[in-house]
Protein backbone atom coordinates (compact mmCIF):
# COMPACT_ATOMS: atom_id res chain seq x y z
CA MET A 1 10.85 5.31 1.93
CA ASN A 2 7.65 3.48 2.85
CA VAL A 3 5.80 5.27 0.06
CA ILE A 4 8.42 4.11 -2.46
CA MET A 5 8.14 0.50 -1.25
CA PHE A 6 4.35 0.78 -1.48
CA VAL A 7 4.56 1.91 -5.11
CA VAL A 8 7.08 -0.85 -5.90
CA GLY A 9 4.74 -3.37 -4.21
CA LEU A 10 1.82 -2.24 -6.38
CA VAL A 11 3.95 -2.49 -9.53
CA LEU A 12 4.99 -6.00 -8.45
CA MET A 13 1.35 -6.96 -7.86
CA PHE A 14 0.18 -5.74 -11.27
CA ALA A 15 3.17 -7.32 -13.02
CA LEU A 16 2.38 -10.69 -11.42
CA MET A 17 -1.31 -10.38 -12.33
CA ILE A 18 -0.52 -9.55 -15.96
CA LYS A 19 2.49 -11.79 -16.60
CA THR A 20 1.65 -14.87 -14.53
CA LYS A 21 -1.34 -17.12 -13.85
CA TYR A 22 -1.15 -16.81 -10.07
CA GLY A 23 -4.46 -14.91 -9.91
CA PRO A 24 -5.37 -11.83 -7.85
CA PHE A 25 -5.58 -13.70 -4.51
CA ILE A 26 -1.92 -14.79 -4.45
CA CYS A 27 -0.68 -11.61 -6.14
CA MET A 28 -2.24 -9.34 -3.49
CA LEU A 29 -0.84 -11.42 -0.66
CA ILE A 30 2.64 -11.36 -2.23
CA ALA A 31 2.39 -7.57 -2.62
CA GLY A 32 1.28 -7.20 1.00
CA LEU A 33 4.14 -9.40 2.17
CA PHE A 34 6.66 -7.37 0.13
CA ILE A 35 5.37 -3.98 1.34
CA GLY A 36 5.29 -5.10 4.98
CA LEU A 37 8.79 -6.61 4.99
CA THR A 38 10.40 -3.70 3.15
CA SER A 39 8.62 -1.03 5.21
CA GLY A 40 9.91 -2.05 8.63
CA LEU A 41 7.00 -4.10 9.97
CA GLY A 42 9.21 -7.16 10.39
CA THR A 43 8.23 -10.76 9.74
CA LYS A 44 5.83 -11.11 12.69
CA GLY A 45 4.22 -7.71 12.16
CA THR A 46 3.74 -8.36 8.45
CA ILE A 47 2.21 -11.79 8.93
CA ASP A 48 -0.02 -10.58 11.77
CA GLY A 49 -1.11 -7.63 9.61
CA LEU A 50 -1.98 -9.86 6.65
CA VAL A 51 -3.86 -12.38 8.79
CA GLY A 52 -5.66 -9.66 10.75
CA GLY A 53 -6.75 -7.81 7.62
CA PHE A 54 -7.82 -11.02 5.90
CA GLY A 55 -9.82 -12.25 8.90
CA GLY A 56 -11.41 -8.86 9.56
CA THR A 57 -12.64 -8.55 5.97
CA CYS A 58 -13.98 -12.13 5.96
CA LYS A 59 -15.83 -11.40 9.19
CA SER A 60 -17.41 -8.25 7.74
CA ILE A 61 -18.42 -9.45 4.29
CA GLY A 62 -18.32 -13.27 4.26
CA LEU A 63 -21.97 -14.04 4.99
CA LEU A 64 -23.16 -11.00 3.05
CA VAL A 65 -21.46 -12.08 -0.17
CA ILE A 66 -22.72 -15.67 0.23
CA PHE A 67 -26.30 -14.56 0.96
CA GLY A 68 -26.22 -12.00 -1.85
CA THR A 69 -25.00 -14.65 -4.30
CA ILE A 70 -27.76 -17.08 -3.26
CA LEU A 71 -30.36 -14.34 -3.71
CA GLY A 72 -28.89 -13.45 -7.10
CA GLU A 73 -29.03 -17.06 -8.28
CA TYR A 74 -32.72 -17.33 -7.42
CA LEU A 75 -33.45 -14.16 -9.39
CA GLU A 76 -31.36 -15.48 -12.28
CA LYS A 77 -32.69 -19.05 -12.44
CA SER A 78 -36.35 -18.09 -11.94
CA ASN A 79 -36.33 -15.61 -14.87
CA ALA A 80 -37.16 -12.76 -12.47
CA CYS A 81 -34.61 -10.48 -14.21
CA GLN A 82 -36.36 -10.93 -17.56
CA LYS A 83 -39.74 -10.28 -15.92
CA ILE A 84 -38.58 -6.92 -14.55
CA ALA A 85 -37.31 -5.91 -17.99
CA THR A 86 -40.38 -7.01 -19.96
CA THR A 87 -42.78 -5.36 -17.48
CA LEU A 88 -40.98 -2.02 -17.63
CA LEU A 89 -40.91 -2.21 -21.44
CA LYS A 90 -44.68 -2.68 -21.48
CA TYR A 91 -45.12 0.58 -19.59
CA THR A 92 -42.53 2.63 -21.46
CA GLY A 93 -43.10 1.14 -24.93
CA ASN A 94 -40.41 0.48 -27.50
CA LYS A 95 -40.08 4.20 -28.12
CA ASN A 96 -38.58 4.65 -24.66
CA ALA A 97 -36.76 1.32 -24.61
CA SER A 98 -33.47 2.88 -23.47
CA ALA A 99 -35.18 4.20 -20.32
CA ALA A 100 -36.77 0.83 -19.52
CA LEU A 101 -33.50 -1.04 -20.00
CA SER A 102 -31.57 1.51 -17.93
CA ILE A 103 -34.04 1.18 -15.04
CA THR A 104 -33.91 -2.62 -15.36
CA GLY A 105 -30.12 -2.59 -15.12
CA PHE A 106 -30.25 -0.27 -12.11
CA ILE A 107 -32.59 -2.65 -10.23
CA VAL A 108 -31.30 -6.05 -11.31
CA ALA A 109 -27.59 -5.51 -10.57
CA ILE A 110 -28.19 -4.86 -6.87
CA PRO A 111 -28.20 -8.60 -6.05
CA VAL A 112 -27.18 -10.14 -9.43
CA PHE A 113 -23.61 -9.82 -10.69
CA SER A 114 -23.56 -7.44 -13.63
CA ASP A 115 -21.90 -9.81 -16.11
CA VAL A 116 -24.46 -12.54 -15.42
CA ALA A 117 -27.32 -10.03 -15.65
CA MET A 118 -26.03 -8.79 -19.02
CA VAL A 119 -26.11 -12.33 -20.41
CA LEU A 120 -29.64 -12.81 -19.08
CA LEU A 121 -30.91 -9.54 -20.53
CA SER A 122 -29.13 -9.69 -23.90
CA PRO A 123 -32.00 -11.57 -25.69
CA ILE A 124 -34.42 -8.86 -24.51
CA VAL A 125 -32.08 -6.11 -25.74
CA LYS A 126 -31.88 -7.74 -29.19
CA ASN A 127 -35.62 -8.36 -29.45
CA VAL A 128 -36.41 -4.78 -28.43
CA GLY A 129 -33.91 -3.55 -31.00
CA LYS A 130 -35.65 -5.54 -33.76
CA LYS A 131 -39.18 -4.50 -32.75
CA SER A 132 -38.39 -0.83 -32.21
CA GLY A 133 -35.94 -0.37 -35.06
CA LYS A 134 -33.39 1.00 -32.57
CA ASN A 135 -29.80 -0.15 -32.65
CA ALA A 136 -29.20 -3.05 -30.24
CA CYS A 137 -25.60 -1.92 -29.62
CA ALA A 138 -26.83 1.42 -28.24
CA LEU A 139 -29.50 -0.27 -26.13
CA GLY A 140 -26.91 -2.77 -24.91
CA THR A 141 -24.66 0.09 -23.81
CA ALA A 142 -27.47 1.62 -21.74
CA THR A 143 -28.18 -1.77 -20.15
CA ALA A 144 -24.55 -2.64 -19.43
CA CYS A 145 -23.62 0.75 -17.93
CA SER A 146 -26.71 0.90 -15.71
CA LEU A 147 -25.94 -2.63 -14.50
CA LEU A 148 -22.41 -1.52 -13.63
CA SER A 149 -23.67 1.54 -11.73
CA THR A 150 -25.45 -0.32 -8.92
CA ASN A 151 -22.94 -3.18 -9.13
CA ALA A 152 -20.19 -0.69 -8.22
CA PHE A 153 -22.01 1.43 -5.62
CA VAL A 154 -24.79 -0.54 -3.90
CA ALA A 155 -24.32 -3.45 -1.46
CA PRO A 156 -24.62 -6.47 -1.35
CA THR A 157 -22.30 -6.65 -4.37
CA PRO A 158 -18.68 -7.31 -3.27
CA ALA A 159 -16.98 -4.00 -4.17
CA PRO A 160 -19.17 -1.68 -2.03
CA LEU A 161 -19.22 -4.31 0.72
CA ALA A 162 -15.42 -4.26 0.79
CA VAL A 163 -15.43 -0.47 1.05
CA VAL A 164 -17.96 -0.65 3.90
CA ALA A 165 -15.80 -3.21 5.72
CA ILE A 166 -12.45 -1.43 5.27
CA LEU A 167 -13.74 2.06 6.16
CA GLY A 168 -16.12 0.85 8.89
CA LEU A 169 -19.18 2.52 7.38
CA ASP A 170 -22.82 2.04 8.30
CA ILE A 171 -24.13 -0.24 5.54
CA GLY A 172 -27.57 1.42 5.51
CA VAL A 173 -26.06 4.87 4.96
CA SER A 174 -23.74 3.36 2.34
CA ILE A 175 -26.71 1.87 0.44
CA ALA A 176 -28.64 5.15 0.60
CA TYR A 177 -25.77 7.20 -0.85
CA GLY A 178 -24.86 4.39 -3.26
CA LEU A 179 -28.38 4.35 -4.71
CA VAL A 180 -28.22 8.11 -5.30
CA CYS A 181 -24.80 7.90 -6.99
CA ALA A 182 -25.90 4.95 -9.13
CA ALA A 183 -29.14 6.77 -10.09
CA VAL A 184 -27.18 9.81 -11.29
CA ILE A 185 -24.91 7.57 -13.38
CA THR A 186 -27.88 5.64 -14.80
CA LEU A 187 -29.61 8.90 -15.75
CA ALA A 188 -26.44 10.11 -17.49
CA VAL A 189 -26.10 6.79 -19.34
CA TRP A 190 -29.71 6.97 -20.50
CA ALA A 191 -29.23 10.56 -21.75
CA PHE A 192 -25.99 9.60 -23.56
CA THR A 193 -27.73 6.66 -25.22
CA GLU A 194 -30.94 8.48 -26.10
CA PHE A 195 -29.48 11.74 -27.40
CA TYR A 196 -26.16 10.57 -28.84
CA LEU A 197 -25.78 6.83 -29.51
CA LEU A 198 -29.28 6.30 -30.90
CA LYS A 199 -28.76 9.23 -33.29
CA LYS A 200 -25.90 7.35 -34.98
CA PRO A 201 -26.57 5.24 -38.12
CA ASP A 202 -26.24 1.45 -37.89
CA SER A 203 -23.06 1.63 -39.97
CA TRP A 204 -21.41 3.52 -37.10
CA TYR A 205 -21.47 0.32 -34.98
CA THR A 206 -19.44 -2.87 -35.27
CA GLU A 207 -21.38 -6.03 -34.38
CA LEU A 208 -19.64 -9.31 -33.63
CA PRO A 209 -20.90 -12.32 -35.64
CA ALA A 210 -22.41 -15.43 -34.02
CA GLU A 211 -22.24 -14.00 -30.53
CA ASP A 212 -25.34 -15.96 -29.45
CA GLN A 213 -23.32 -19.17 -29.50
CA ALA A 214 -20.95 -17.84 -26.87
CA TYR A 215 -23.71 -17.83 -24.27
CA GLY A 216 -25.02 -21.31 -24.99
CA GLU A 217 -28.51 -22.14 -23.86
CA GLU A 218 -28.64 -19.34 -21.31
CA ASN A 219 -29.21 -16.78 -24.04
CA LYS A 220 -32.74 -17.73 -25.05
CA ASP A 221 -36.19 -16.18 -25.12
CA VAL A 222 -38.39 -16.90 -22.12
CA SER A 223 -42.20 -17.01 -22.29
CA GLU A 224 -44.40 -15.12 -19.81
CA LYS A 225 -45.56 -18.43 -18.31
CA GLU A 226 -42.00 -19.23 -17.28
CA MET A 227 -41.65 -15.93 -15.39
CA PRO A 228 -42.82 -14.96 -11.90
CA SER A 229 -44.98 -11.88 -11.39
CA PHE A 230 -43.40 -8.42 -11.39
CA LEU A 231 -44.03 -7.98 -7.66
CA ALA A 232 -42.61 -11.42 -6.84
CA SER A 233 -39.52 -10.54 -8.88
CA LEU A 234 -39.00 -7.23 -7.09
CA LEU A 235 -39.72 -8.15 -3.46
CA PRO A 236 -36.59 -10.28 -2.82
CA ILE A 237 -34.50 -7.29 -3.95
CA LEU A 238 -36.47 -4.65 -2.07
CA ILE A 239 -36.96 -6.44 1.28
CA PRO A 240 -33.28 -6.45 2.37
CA ILE A 241 -32.71 -2.88 1.18
CA ILE A 242 -35.81 -1.54 2.93
CA LEU A 243 -34.98 -3.37 6.17
CA ILE A 244 -31.37 -2.15 6.24
CA LEU A 245 -32.38 1.44 5.46
CA ALA A 246 -35.16 1.26 8.09
CA GLY A 247 -32.58 0.24 10.69
CA SER A 248 -30.34 3.21 9.87
CA ILE A 249 -33.26 5.66 9.89
CA GLY A 250 -35.06 4.15 12.90
CA GLY A 251 -31.90 4.35 14.98
CA GLN A 252 -32.07 8.14 14.73
CA PHE A 253 -35.63 8.44 16.10
CA LEU A 254 -36.51 5.43 18.26
CA PRO A 255 -35.32 5.06 21.87
CA LYS A 256 -32.35 2.67 21.90
CA LYS A 257 -33.76 0.39 24.62
CA SER A 258 -37.33 0.29 23.33
CA LEU A 259 -38.91 -2.97 22.14
CA ALA A 260 -39.51 -1.51 18.67
CA MET A 261 -35.84 -0.57 18.32
CA THR A 262 -34.72 -4.00 19.54
CA LEU A 263 -36.86 -5.76 16.93
CA LEU A 264 -35.85 -3.30 14.22
CA ALA A 265 -32.16 -3.71 15.08
CA PHE A 266 -32.54 -7.47 14.65
CA VAL A 267 -34.37 -7.54 11.31
CA SER A 268 -32.30 -4.66 9.90
CA ASN A 269 -29.01 -6.36 10.68
CA LYS A 270 -27.35 -6.70 7.27
CA ASN A 271 -26.98 -10.49 7.57
CA ILE A 272 -30.54 -11.05 8.84
CA ALA A 273 -32.01 -8.70 6.21
CA LEU A 274 -30.33 -10.60 3.38
CA ALA A 275 -31.35 -13.92 4.93
CA LEU A 276 -34.96 -12.69 4.92
CA GLY A 277 -34.48 -11.72 1.28
CA ILE A 278 -33.48 -15.33 0.57
CA VAL A 279 -36.55 -16.60 2.46
CA SER A 280 -38.77 -14.40 0.30
CA ALA A 281 -36.97 -15.59 -2.84
CA VAL A 282 -37.55 -19.23 -1.93
CA ALA A 283 -41.22 -18.56 -1.12
CA LEU A 284 -41.90 -16.51 -4.26
CA LEU A 285 -39.47 -17.76 -6.90
CA ALA A 286 -38.41 -21.34 -6.14
CA ARG A 287 -41.46 -22.82 -7.85
CA TYR A 288 -40.28 -21.36 -11.16
CA LEU A 289 -37.19 -23.58 -10.99
CA PRO A 290 -37.28 -27.28 -11.97
CA GLU A 291 -38.43 -29.31 -8.95
CA LYS A 292 -35.09 -31.09 -8.54
CA THR A 293 -33.10 -27.85 -8.53
CA ARG A 294 -35.30 -25.58 -6.40
CA TYR A 295 -32.83 -25.49 -3.55
CA THR A 296 -29.55 -25.96 -5.42
CA PRO A 297 -28.74 -22.19 -5.30
CA MET A 298 -28.15 -22.69 -1.56
CA THR A 299 -25.06 -24.75 -2.36
CA SER A 300 -24.14 -23.85 -5.95
CA ALA A 301 -23.77 -20.18 -4.94
CA LEU A 302 -20.91 -21.18 -2.63
CA LYS A 303 -18.70 -21.97 -5.63
CA THR A 304 -19.01 -18.39 -6.85
CA SER A 305 -19.14 -16.57 -3.54
CA GLY A 306 -16.16 -18.44 -2.04
CA THR A 307 -13.80 -17.08 -4.68
CA ILE A 308 -15.16 -13.55 -4.26
CA VAL A 309 -14.88 -13.64 -0.46
CA PHE A 310 -11.27 -14.81 -0.53
CA ILE A 311 -10.13 -12.35 -3.21
CA THR A 312 -11.86 -9.46 -1.42
CA ALA A 313 -10.35 -10.59 1.89
CA ALA A 314 -6.90 -10.63 0.28
CA GLY A 315 -7.57 -7.00 -0.67
CA GLY A 316 -8.45 -6.37 2.98
CA ALA A 317 -5.14 -7.94 4.03
CA LEU A 318 -3.21 -5.68 1.65
CA SER A 319 -5.21 -2.67 2.88
CA ASN A 320 -4.32 -3.47 6.49
CA ILE A 321 -0.61 -3.63 5.63
CA VAL A 322 -0.86 -0.22 3.95
CA LYS A 323 -2.53 1.10 7.09
CA LEU A 324 0.08 -0.37 9.45
CA THR A 325 3.02 0.98 7.43
CA GLY A 326 1.62 4.51 7.63
CA VAL A 327 1.52 4.91 3.84
CA GLY A 328 -2.17 5.82 3.97
CA ASP A 329 -1.49 8.64 6.44
CA ALA A 330 1.45 9.86 4.31
CA PHE A 331 -0.78 10.14 1.25
CA ALA A 332 -3.53 11.83 3.30
CA HIS A 333 -1.13 14.45 4.68
CA ALA A 334 0.33 15.05 1.21
CA LEU A 335 -3.15 15.62 -0.23
CA VAL A 336 -4.13 17.98 2.59
CA ALA A 337 -0.91 19.98 2.15
CA SER A 338 -1.28 20.22 -1.63
CA PRO A 339 -3.05 23.18 -3.30
């Protein structure tokens, strides 16, 4: 019976999302409330489950999402994303543009939301298409899909952070496996673009007219003088990842009570590592922002990250209700018993 109510709750949630303007936050809470009340948790158990799941998810991912968004804004506003792309293109040449753009997407989407990064990189994609004679739609596909790969699998983007929080995973191990999964996807995307999409004639594609206007002033060419160095662009991304991975690896070899392990445990803490990434971004990239707005990402990022934290936490609340009703165990046992 609980499984049936769970399915009905999901249908209700999707129906509300599609047919109303309540938004995912309210729709997930309504679904959680429905599943809890109809599955025997009672009013107190349902409310406690929703609040507990919501609070637990906020506790796990709140600061990480905020810090990651601040870091992403510095990379975005300082033109660091464009610098990574243009530098890789210099080494690969226009002939291997799909490889350069795929690698760029893989790197950039670790801290920068994939949709924002696609807007930032779209002028480069179009310019490379014109210079190389390769179709910009095919190059755009390689860029977009590689952006989505790390966005979906590698923290500190919200989706993998939510998985880490709900399943109680080690974030360093999660990043390590996430990078491998994203790399395999990026390689497959590059191969699909290089050996299939780029073999198609231009008439095979449908291009939308006047799409530049949709992005406003953000979609513009940036000169080299307006960009930081390649190393300065990469370091704020690499520092948190290296520190978190070092903590996971060091914990396997260093004595737990040693001074080295104590220091490593501190700097490799996911919140501290991202905070150090922000410090490096301010030191290396802030001067490429207008003087009056050099520190605005510290506050402007809260507008974006707040929405993400609350929606993800609502998902955590729904997940906790599913756990408390035993539906998760029922599905697990059914899968184990199936052929």
